Structure formats: structure tokens, C-alpha cells
Amino acid sequence: MPLPERIRGVREAYGLTQADVADVLDIAPSSYGQMERNATTASYKSLQKIADALGVSLLFLLDTKNQKMTE
């Protein structure tokens, strides 16, 4: 599963909207949506922030072969 789909799947599994995550990151929902869609080109720092906002480890978030969506 590609990284953007993994991030979206984890977010949805925790019942969060893009706006919820954007609020935690203190950015506009449209900016978060763009980050989620372009996750494969995101920096380590950005991915760590997304993982923190979702309440999961970065390793769990990056484990795209893992079908489990909650940690």
C-alpha cells in the first residue's frame, strides 16, 4: 500500500478528519490534505509530525506492508 493511502487509512481508523490532524499540526486543512497526498515526497520532519498528530510511531506509519491500521 502506498504511503499516502497508509496515512489516510491510519487517520480514518482513529476516526480523525483531515481538519482534526491539521488542527493538531496548526496548519490549514488544505495544507494537511496536500501533505497527505504527497507523503512520498515529505521530509522526515513532516512525517514525524504527522505520526505524532495521529498518535502512532513513525515506524508504524511507514510500515506500508502492515495492513493493520491501529497501533
C-alpha atoms as a PDB file:
ATOM      1  CA  MET A   1       0.000   0.000   0.000  1.00  0.00           C
ATOM      2  CA  PRO A   2       1.448   3.403  -0.916  1.00  0.00           C
ATOM      3  CA  LEU A   3       2.365   5.772   1.906  1.00  0.00           C
ATOM      4  CA  PRO A   4      -0.416   8.331   1.247  1.00  0.00           C
ATOM      5  CA  GLU A   5      -3.012   5.549   1.458  1.00  0.00           C
ATOM      6  CA  ARG A   6      -1.387   4.265   4.660  1.00  0.00           C
ATOM      7  CA  ILE A   7      -1.558   7.698   6.289  1.00  0.00           C
ATOM      8  CA  ARG A   8      -5.183   8.183   5.248  1.00  0.00           C
ATOM      9  CA  GLY A   9      -6.077   4.674   6.442  1.00  0.00           C
ATOM     10  CA  VAL A  10      -4.483   5.201   9.844  1.00  0.00           C
ATOM     11  CA  ARG A  11      -6.140   8.610  10.200  1.00  0.00           C
ATOM     12  CA  GLU A  12      -9.548   7.189   9.329  1.00  0.00           C
ATOM     13  CA  ALA A  13      -9.052   4.160  11.603  1.00  0.00           C
ATOM     14  CA  TYR A  14      -8.631   6.558  14.511  1.00  0.00           C
ATOM     15  CA  GLY A  15     -11.754   8.456  13.464  1.00  0.00           C
ATOM     16  CA  LEU A  16      -9.892  11.627  12.584  1.00  0.00           C
ATOM     17  CA  THR A  17     -10.647  14.035   9.761  1.00  0.00           C
ATOM     18  CA  GLN A  18      -8.036  15.948   7.823  1.00  0.00           C
ATOM     19  CA  ALA A  19      -9.214  19.039   9.716  1.00  0.00           C
ATOM     20  CA  ASP A  20      -8.589  17.282  13.056  1.00  0.00           C
ATOM     21  CA  VAL A  21      -4.996  16.475  12.124  1.00  0.00           C
ATOM     22  CA  ALA A  22      -4.436  19.917  10.621  1.00  0.00           C
ATOM     23  CA  ASP A  23      -5.618  21.475  13.890  1.00  0.00           C
ATOM     24  CA  VAL A  24      -3.048  19.469  15.876  1.00  0.00           C
ATOM     25  CA  LEU A  25      -0.356  20.483  13.375  1.00  0.00           C
ATOM     26  CA  ASP A  26      -1.563  24.106  13.492  1.00  0.00           C
ATOM     27  CA  ILE A  27      -1.908  24.317   9.712  1.00  0.00           C
ATOM     28  CA  ALA A  28      -4.809  24.787   7.299  1.00  0.00           C
ATOM     29  CA  PRO A  29      -6.771  21.629   6.441  1.00  0.00           C
ATOM     30  CA  SER A  30      -5.955  22.154   2.773  1.00  0.00           C
ATOM     31  CA  SER A  31      -2.235  22.192   3.628  1.00  0.00           C
ATOM     32  CA  TYR A  32      -2.565  18.939   5.549  1.00  0.00           C
ATOM     33  CA  GLY A  33      -4.532  17.384   2.691  1.00  0.00           C
ATOM     34  CA  GLN A  34      -1.708  18.278   0.351  1.00  0.00           C
ATOM     35  CA  MET A  35       0.837  16.761   2.762  1.00  0.00           C
ATOM     36  CA  GLU A  36      -1.206  13.566   2.972  1.00  0.00           C
ATOM     37  CA  ARG A  37      -1.491  13.255  -0.813  1.00  0.00           C
ATOM     38  CA  ASN A  38       2.199  13.997  -1.396  1.00  0.00           C
ATOM     39  CA  ALA A  39       3.540  11.986   1.548  1.00  0.00           C
ATOM     40  CA  THR A  40       6.047  10.120  -0.587  1.00  0.00           C
ATOM     41  CA  THR A  41       7.977  13.372  -1.070  1.00  0.00           C
ATOM     42  CA  ALA A  42       7.542  14.627   2.523  1.00  0.00           C
ATOM     43  CA  SER A  43      10.548  15.239   4.726  1.00  0.00           C
ATOM     44  CA  TYR A  44      11.349  13.095   7.751  1.00  0.00           C
ATOM     45  CA  LYS A  45      10.353  16.008   9.979  1.00  0.00           C
ATOM     46  CA  SER A  46       6.941  16.345   8.291  1.00  0.00           C
ATOM     47  CA  LEU A  47       6.261  12.620   8.507  1.00  0.00           C
ATOM     48  CA  GLN A  48       7.244  12.622  12.201  1.00  0.00           C
ATOM     49  CA  LYS A  49       4.793  15.466  12.840  1.00  0.00           C
ATOM     50  CA  ILE A  50       2.018  13.559  11.065  1.00  0.00           C
ATOM     51  CA  ALA A  51       2.788  10.411  13.066  1.00  0.00           C
ATOM     52  CA  ASP A  52       2.724  12.403  16.307  1.00  0.00           C
ATOM     53  CA  ALA A  53      -0.589  14.041  15.358  1.00  0.00           C
ATOM     54  CA  LEU A  54      -2.071  10.616  14.606  1.00  0.00           C
ATOM     55  CA  GLY A  55      -0.733   9.203  17.864  1.00  0.00           C
ATOM     56  CA  VAL A  56       1.392   6.491  16.264  1.00  0.00           C
ATOM     57  CA  SER A  57       5.109   5.887  15.875  1.00  0.00           C
ATOM     58  CA  LEU A  58       6.837   6.904  12.679  1.00  0.00           C
ATOM     59  CA  LEU A  59       7.903   3.292  12.131  1.00  0.00           C
ATOM     60  CA  PHE A  60       4.271   2.156  12.341  1.00  0.00           C
ATOM     61  CA  LEU A  61       3.219   4.868   9.901  1.00  0.00           C
ATOM     62  CA  LEU A  62       5.935   3.907   7.424  1.00  0.00           C
ATOM     63  CA  ASP A  63       5.187   0.173   7.640  1.00  0.00           C
ATOM     64  CA  THR A  64       3.229   0.206   4.374  1.00  0.00           C
ATOM     65  CA  LYS A  65       3.176  -3.602   4.202  1.00  0.00           C
ATOM     66  CA  ASN A  66       1.272  -3.805   7.502  1.00  0.00           C
ATOM     67  CA  GLN A  67      -2.466  -3.984   6.853  1.00  0.00           C
ATOM     68  CA  LYS A  68      -3.284  -3.191  10.490  1.00  0.00           C
ATOM     69  CA  MET A  69      -4.315   0.460  10.766  1.00  0.00           C
ATOM     70  CA  THR A  70      -4.123   0.921  14.540  1.00  0.00           C
ATOM     71  CA  GLU A  71      -1.084   0.589  16.728  1.00  0.00           C
END
